[in-house]
């Protein structure tokens, strides 16, 4: 565990960034750079924490990035457009934030002395439509030009190459993380678990695309925070990319909806809607590399993770959080 460190989290007001800040804030100084389009940080009460400093700014603004990086020991670069629907509506901004933002963060970090680690957040979407037990060294899949669905993955794959090349050419200690379907208490924005749980608790119809036979592996928020901290502190992580997920928690989207209905004891029904856009049909990671080099293995199984998530959303809907 880090202690006494200065940690920058770009996009740190998002779901994963807020969870990481909450874990580290007691014993470290956390600086968050974010435009606050989504703001889980304030909902968690961390924007007033004495060890949390918020800089409202855009990673595409090099001046803001240099100010944020200066004086930091560790950089966790998470800033991006998240969620399929948002990407489809804003493909240009999606690519600009990924490409320009990551270039700015890497340049600023490389110009600073004493940077101990830069973590670049990539995505499991770099593996394309079908990804079964995919390993980090497997060939990644580039989407068709002009198909907005894949602009996020293409730009994230480019930033992975860029981060790795900053390590090879300039010895900047970079690491890339590919998260696989993260869920849990505090989630903001889009996401199947978020949508299904809220609708189930409110007795609304749960909508799934086509037949709901898409297959996903779900990873609880506490597990990915563990992985990030290991990637920040283990020397073996430098210059590597890691799949972070929980292949044991693998279900179809339809099964996920049914499970959430059972756990919430909801009377909601499931509605199947046509979805003509490209989608990820199968996504299950091989996580052996993270196990061997980081000592990481996901601990939280799907059902207890969902129960904790459901409890949090129930309290949120009741105004208790």
Protein backbone atom coordinates (compact mmCIF):
# COMPACT_ATOMS: atom_id res chain seq x y z
CA UNK A 1 0.00 0.00 0.00
CA UNK A 2 1.19 3.50 -0.83
CA UNK A 3 1.87 5.94 1.99
CA UNK A 4 2.96 9.57 1.86
CA UNK A 5 2.74 9.70 -1.93
CA UNK A 6 1.36 12.37 -4.24
CA UNK A 7 -0.98 10.67 -6.71
CA UNK A 8 -2.65 12.29 -9.72
CA UNK A 9 -5.82 10.65 -11.02
CA UNK A 10 -7.08 12.10 -14.30
CA UNK A 11 -10.78 11.41 -14.68
CA UNK A 12 -10.66 10.83 -10.95
CA UNK A 13 -14.23 11.98 -10.36
CA UNK A 14 -15.51 8.93 -12.24
CA UNK A 15 -16.56 5.61 -10.76
CA UNK A 16 -13.19 3.82 -10.64
CA UNK A 17 -11.18 6.98 -9.94
CA UNK A 18 -13.36 7.83 -6.94
CA UNK A 19 -13.00 4.31 -5.55
CA UNK A 20 -9.22 4.54 -5.93
CA UNK A 21 -9.13 7.98 -4.28
CA UNK A 22 -11.22 6.68 -1.39
CA UNK A 23 -8.78 3.82 -0.83
CA UNK A 24 -5.65 6.00 -0.95
CA UNK A 25 -6.76 9.33 0.54
CA UNK A 26 -6.15 8.53 4.20
CA UNK A 27 -2.39 8.08 3.82
CA UNK A 28 -1.60 9.98 0.59
CA UNK A 29 -2.22 13.28 -1.16
CA UNK A 30 -4.64 12.75 -4.06
CA UNK A 31 -4.94 15.27 -6.86
CA UNK A 32 -7.88 14.83 -9.26
CA UNK A 33 -8.02 16.39 -12.73
CA UNK A 34 -11.54 16.18 -14.15
CA UNK A 35 -14.13 18.21 -16.05
CA UNK A 36 -16.83 16.81 -13.70
CA UNK A 37 -19.14 15.59 -16.47
CA UNK A 38 -19.81 12.77 -14.04
CA UNK A 39 -19.03 13.43 -10.42
CA UNK A 40 -18.91 10.43 -8.13
CA UNK A 41 -16.23 12.22 -6.10
CA UNK A 42 -18.62 14.71 -4.53
CA UNK A 43 -21.31 12.06 -4.05
CA UNK A 44 -18.75 10.12 -1.99
CA UNK A 45 -17.88 13.27 -0.01
CA UNK A 46 -14.28 13.15 -1.15
CA UNK A 47 -14.25 16.61 -2.73
CA UNK A 48 -13.96 18.01 0.82
CA UNK A 49 -11.43 15.48 2.09
CA UNK A 50 -8.31 17.24 3.46
CA UNK A 51 -6.03 14.99 1.39
CA UNK A 52 -7.95 15.39 -1.88
CA UNK A 53 -7.24 18.30 -4.22
CA UNK A 54 -9.56 18.87 -7.19
CA UNK A 55 -8.42 20.62 -10.36
CA UNK A 56 -11.30 21.21 -12.76
CA UNK A 57 -9.74 20.92 -16.19
CA UNK A 58 -9.59 19.03 -19.47
CA UNK A 59 -6.80 16.58 -20.34
CA UNK A 60 -6.78 18.11 -23.82
CA UNK A 61 -5.50 21.33 -22.19
CA UNK A 62 -1.74 20.92 -21.85
CA UNK A 63 -1.48 23.79 -19.37
CA UNK A 64 -3.97 22.12 -17.04
CA UNK A 65 -2.22 18.75 -17.43
CA UNK A 66 1.23 20.18 -16.63
CA UNK A 67 -0.15 21.90 -13.57
CA UNK A 68 -1.78 18.66 -12.42
CA UNK A 69 1.29 16.46 -13.00
CA UNK A 70 3.77 18.82 -11.34
CA UNK A 71 4.81 17.58 -7.92
CA UNK A 72 3.24 14.15 -8.26
CA UNK A 73 4.96 10.80 -7.75
CA UNK A 74 2.35 8.64 -9.46
CA UNK A 75 -0.06 9.29 -12.32
CA UNK A 76 -3.17 7.20 -12.98
CA UNK A 77 -4.61 8.34 -16.30
CA UNK A 78 -8.30 7.39 -16.51
CA UNK A 79 -9.83 10.40 -18.26
CA UNK A 80 -11.96 9.29 -21.20
CA UNK A 81 -15.46 9.15 -22.62
CA UNK A 82 -17.19 6.10 -21.15
CA UNK A 83 -20.28 4.17 -22.18
CA UNK A 84 -21.33 2.88 -25.58
CA UNK A 85 -24.23 5.30 -25.97
CA UNK A 86 -22.05 8.32 -25.20
CA UNK A 87 -19.33 7.12 -27.58
CA UNK A 88 -21.85 6.66 -30.39
CA UNK A 89 -23.08 10.24 -29.91
CA UNK A 90 -19.59 11.79 -29.54
CA UNK A 91 -17.09 9.78 -31.61
CA UNK A 92 -14.80 12.74 -32.37
CA UNK A 93 -14.61 13.90 -28.76
CA UNK A 94 -14.05 10.28 -27.69
CA UNK A 95 -10.95 10.01 -29.85
CA UNK A 96 -9.67 13.49 -29.04
CA UNK A 97 -9.82 12.91 -25.29
CA UNK A 98 -8.08 9.54 -25.60
CA UNK A 99 -5.39 10.56 -28.07
CA UNK A 100 -4.68 14.18 -27.14
CA UNK A 101 -5.23 13.58 -23.45
CA UNK A 102 -2.86 10.64 -23.23
CA UNK A 103 -0.20 12.43 -25.30
CA UNK A 104 -0.41 15.40 -22.93
CA UNK A 105 -0.20 13.24 -19.80
CA UNK A 106 2.78 11.25 -21.09
CA UNK A 107 4.65 14.37 -22.27
CA UNK A 108 4.06 16.16 -18.98
CA UNK A 109 5.07 13.11 -16.94
CA UNK A 110 8.19 12.61 -19.03
CA UNK A 111 9.19 16.24 -18.48
CA UNK A 112 8.87 15.87 -14.69
CA UNK A 113 11.60 14.34 -12.59
CA UNK A 114 10.75 11.73 -10.00
CA UNK A 115 7.67 10.17 -11.63
CA UNK A 116 7.62 6.62 -10.26
CA UNK A 117 4.75 5.22 -12.32
CA UNK A 118 2.26 6.22 -15.01
CA UNK A 119 -0.76 3.95 -15.44
CA UNK A 120 -2.65 4.30 -18.69
CA UNK A 121 -6.22 2.99 -18.56
CA UNK A 122 -7.04 1.12 -21.74
CA UNK A 123 -10.07 -1.08 -22.37
CA UNK A 124 -11.04 -4.71 -22.92
CA UNK A 125 -12.69 -3.51 -26.14
CA UNK A 126 -9.30 -3.63 -27.89
CA UNK A 127 -9.98 -7.35 -28.35
CA UNK A 128 -13.00 -6.67 -30.58
CA UNK A 129 -16.28 -8.54 -30.88
CA UNK A 130 -15.16 -12.01 -29.79
CA UNK A 131 -12.66 -12.38 -26.97
CA UNK A 132 -12.43 -15.74 -25.19
CA UNK A 133 -9.66 -16.19 -22.61
CA UNK A 134 -7.74 -13.45 -24.35
CA UNK A 135 -4.18 -12.82 -23.21
CA UNK A 136 -2.35 -9.52 -23.27
CA UNK A 137 -0.10 -10.63 -26.12
CA UNK A 138 -2.98 -11.84 -28.32
CA UNK A 139 -3.68 -9.95 -31.53
CA UNK A 140 -6.05 -7.04 -30.93
CA UNK A 141 -8.91 -6.27 -33.30
CA UNK A 142 -9.42 -2.92 -35.01
CA UNK A 143 -12.98 -1.95 -35.88
CA UNK A 144 -14.16 -0.93 -39.31
CA UNK A 145 -13.42 2.66 -40.28
CA UNK A 146 -16.56 4.77 -40.01
CA UNK A 147 -18.19 2.59 -37.35
CA UNK A 148 -18.48 4.84 -34.30
CA UNK A 149 -18.82 1.84 -31.95
CA UNK A 150 -15.10 1.10 -32.28
CA UNK A 151 -13.65 4.61 -32.09
CA UNK A 152 -13.10 4.22 -28.34
CA UNK A 153 -11.25 0.92 -28.70
CA UNK A 154 -9.09 2.13 -31.60
CA UNK A 155 -7.99 5.25 -29.73
CA UNK A 156 -7.31 3.27 -26.54
CA UNK A 157 -5.18 0.76 -28.42
CA UNK A 158 -3.18 3.66 -29.86
CA UNK A 159 -2.59 5.09 -26.38
CA UNK A 160 -1.39 1.69 -25.16
CA UNK A 161 1.24 1.68 -27.90
CA UNK A 162 2.17 5.26 -27.04
CA UNK A 163 2.54 4.53 -23.32
CA UNK A 164 4.64 1.45 -24.02
CA UNK A 165 6.86 3.39 -26.42
CA UNK A 166 7.43 6.12 -23.84
CA UNK A 167 8.80 3.34 -21.63
CA UNK A 168 10.98 1.88 -24.40
CA UNK A 169 12.29 5.16 -25.75
CA UNK A 170 12.43 7.40 -22.66
CA UNK A 171 12.37 4.85 -19.77
CA UNK A 172 9.20 6.44 -18.40
CA UNK A 173 7.80 3.76 -16.06
CA UNK A 174 4.44 3.13 -17.75
CA UNK A 175 1.84 0.40 -17.27
CA UNK A 176 -1.38 -0.24 -19.20
CA UNK A 177 -4.49 -1.76 -17.63
CA UNK A 178 -7.36 -3.29 -19.58
CA UNK A 179 -10.42 -3.46 -17.28
CA UNK A 180 -13.14 -6.02 -18.02
CA UNK A 181 -16.66 -4.89 -17.09
CA UNK A 182 -16.28 -3.22 -13.70
CA UNK A 183 -19.32 -2.80 -11.45
CA UNK A 184 -20.13 -2.04 -7.83
CA UNK A 185 -21.39 0.53 -5.32
CA UNK A 186 -20.95 4.12 -6.44
CA UNK A 187 -21.16 3.48 -10.16
CA UNK A 188 -22.23 6.50 -12.20
CA UNK A 189 -23.22 6.75 -15.83
CA UNK A 190 -23.93 3.81 -18.10
CA UNK A 191 -23.44 0.09 -17.55
CA UNK A 192 -25.66 -2.98 -17.49
CA UNK A 193 -25.41 -3.66 -13.75
CA UNK A 194 -26.17 -0.02 -12.93
CA UNK A 195 -29.17 0.11 -15.28
CA UNK A 196 -30.56 -3.29 -14.33
CA UNK A 197 -30.31 -2.73 -10.57
CA UNK A 198 -31.91 0.72 -10.64
CA UNK A 199 -34.76 -0.46 -12.85
CA UNK A 200 -35.31 -3.59 -10.77
CA UNK A 201 -35.48 -1.61 -7.53
CA UNK A 202 -37.96 0.80 -9.06
CA UNK A 203 -40.12 -1.91 -10.62
CA UNK A 204 -39.40 -0.74 -14.17
CA UNK A 205 -38.84 -2.90 -17.24
CA UNK A 206 -35.28 -4.13 -17.75
CA UNK A 207 -34.27 -3.69 -21.37
CA UNK A 208 -31.70 -5.96 -22.99
CA UNK A 209 -30.38 -5.89 -26.53
CA UNK A 210 -31.61 -8.58 -28.92
CA UNK A 211 -31.67 -11.96 -27.14
CA UNK A 212 -29.36 -11.00 -24.28
CA UNK A 213 -26.98 -13.81 -25.23
CA UNK A 214 -23.90 -11.56 -25.10
CA UNK A 215 -21.38 -12.99 -22.64
CA UNK A 216 -19.43 -10.88 -20.12
CA UNK A 217 -17.10 -11.41 -17.17
CA UNK A 218 -17.91 -9.00 -14.32
CA UNK A 219 -15.27 -7.58 -11.98
CA UNK A 220 -16.14 -5.93 -8.66
CA UNK A 221 -14.82 -2.42 -8.00
CA UNK A 222 -12.71 -3.37 -4.96
CA UNK A 223 -10.84 -5.92 -7.05
CA UNK A 224 -9.76 -3.48 -9.74
CA UNK A 225 -8.66 -0.97 -7.08
CA UNK A 226 -6.47 -3.74 -5.62
CA UNK A 227 -5.02 -4.32 -9.09
CA UNK A 228 -4.28 -0.64 -9.68
CA UNK A 229 -2.39 -0.36 -6.39
CA UNK A 230 -0.37 -3.46 -7.25
CA UNK A 231 0.43 -1.97 -10.68
CA UNK A 232 1.57 1.24 -8.95
CA UNK A 233 3.86 -0.54 -6.51
CA UNK A 234 5.21 -3.71 -8.16
CA UNK A 235 8.39 -3.21 -10.16
CA UNK A 236 7.44 -6.14 -12.39
CA UNK A 237 4.53 -4.09 -13.72
CA UNK A 238 6.65 -1.52 -15.56
CA UNK A 239 6.44 -1.71 -19.34
CA UNK A 240 3.57 -4.21 -19.29
CA UNK A 241 -0.13 -4.39 -20.13
CA UNK A 242 -2.54 -6.28 -17.87
CA UNK A 243 -6.01 -7.71 -18.25
CA UNK A 244 -7.92 -7.02 -15.04
CA UNK A 245 -11.13 -8.94 -14.60
CA UNK A 246 -12.82 -11.94 -13.03
CA UNK A 247 -13.41 -14.81 -15.46
CA UNK A 248 -15.18 -16.77 -12.71
CA UNK A 249 -18.02 -14.21 -12.80
CA UNK A 250 -19.09 -14.90 -16.36
CA UNK A 251 -22.76 -14.85 -17.44
CA UNK A 252 -24.90 -13.83 -20.39
CA UNK A 253 -26.61 -10.46 -20.20
CA UNK A 254 -29.96 -12.27 -19.91
CA UNK A 255 -28.65 -14.35 -17.00
CA UNK A 256 -27.35 -11.18 -15.35
CA UNK A 257 -30.78 -9.57 -15.62
CA UNK A 258 -32.45 -12.67 -14.15
CA UNK A 259 -29.94 -12.80 -11.30
CA UNK A 260 -30.50 -9.15 -10.42
CA UNK A 261 -34.27 -9.68 -10.47
CA UNK A 262 -33.90 -12.59 -8.05
CA UNK A 263 -31.51 -10.78 -5.70
CA UNK A 264 -33.64 -7.62 -5.59
CA UNK A 265 -36.86 -9.67 -5.27
CA UNK A 266 -38.21 -7.41 -8.00
CA UNK A 267 -41.41 -7.87 -10.00
CA UNK A 268 -39.86 -6.08 -13.00
CA UNK A 269 -40.11 -7.79 -16.37
CA UNK A 270 -37.47 -8.16 -19.06
CA UNK A 271 -38.00 -6.46 -22.40
CA UNK A 272 -36.01 -7.49 -25.48
CA UNK A 273 -35.22 -4.63 -27.83
CA UNK A 274 -33.65 -4.72 -31.29
CA UNK A 275 -30.08 -3.45 -31.41
CA UNK A 276 -28.66 -3.14 -34.92
CA UNK A 277 -25.31 -1.68 -33.91
CA UNK A 278 -22.09 -3.73 -33.61
CA UNK A 279 -21.65 -5.19 -30.15
CA UNK A 280 -19.20 -7.23 -28.10
CA UNK A 281 -20.64 -10.74 -28.19
CA UNK A 282 -18.07 -12.53 -26.00
CA UNK A 283 -15.57 -11.04 -23.56
CA UNK A 284 -13.70 -13.25 -21.08
CA UNK A 285 -10.12 -12.40 -20.03
CA UNK A 286 -7.14 -14.56 -19.31
CA UNK A 287 -5.71 -13.02 -16.12
CA UNK A 288 -2.69 -15.28 -15.56
CA UNK A 289 -0.20 -12.51 -16.33
CA UNK A 290 -1.65 -10.25 -13.62
CA UNK A 291 -1.60 -13.19 -11.24
CA UNK A 292 2.04 -14.01 -11.99
CA UNK A 293 3.54 -10.49 -12.15
CA UNK A 294 1.24 -8.53 -9.83
CA UNK A 295 0.03 -11.22 -7.48
CA UNK A 296 -3.51 -10.16 -8.40
CA UNK A 297 -6.53 -12.43 -8.31
CA UNK A 298 -10.09 -11.16 -8.09
CA UNK A 299 -11.63 -12.02 -4.72
CA UNK A 300 -15.28 -10.97 -4.97
CA UNK A 301 -17.66 -13.40 -6.67
CA UNK A 302 -20.60 -12.15 -8.71
CA UNK A 303 -23.50 -12.81 -6.34
CA UNK A 304 -22.01 -11.21 -3.18
CA UNK A 305 -20.73 -8.34 -5.32
CA UNK A 306 -24.20 -7.77 -6.72
CA UNK A 307 -25.76 -7.94 -3.26
CA UNK A 308 -23.43 -5.18 -2.04
CA UNK A 309 -24.20 -3.16 -5.16
CA UNK A 310 -27.96 -3.62 -4.75
CA UNK A 311 -27.74 -2.57 -1.10
CA UNK A 312 -25.91 0.63 -2.07
CA UNK A 313 -28.41 1.54 -4.80
CA UNK A 314 -31.34 0.80 -2.48
CA UNK A 315 -29.88 3.20 0.10
CA UNK A 316 -29.16 5.76 -2.62
CA UNK A 317 -32.73 5.66 -3.89
CA UNK A 318 -33.90 6.15 -0.29
CA UNK A 319 -31.65 9.21 0.07
CA UNK A 320 -29.34 7.53 2.59
CA UNK A 321 -26.12 7.90 0.55
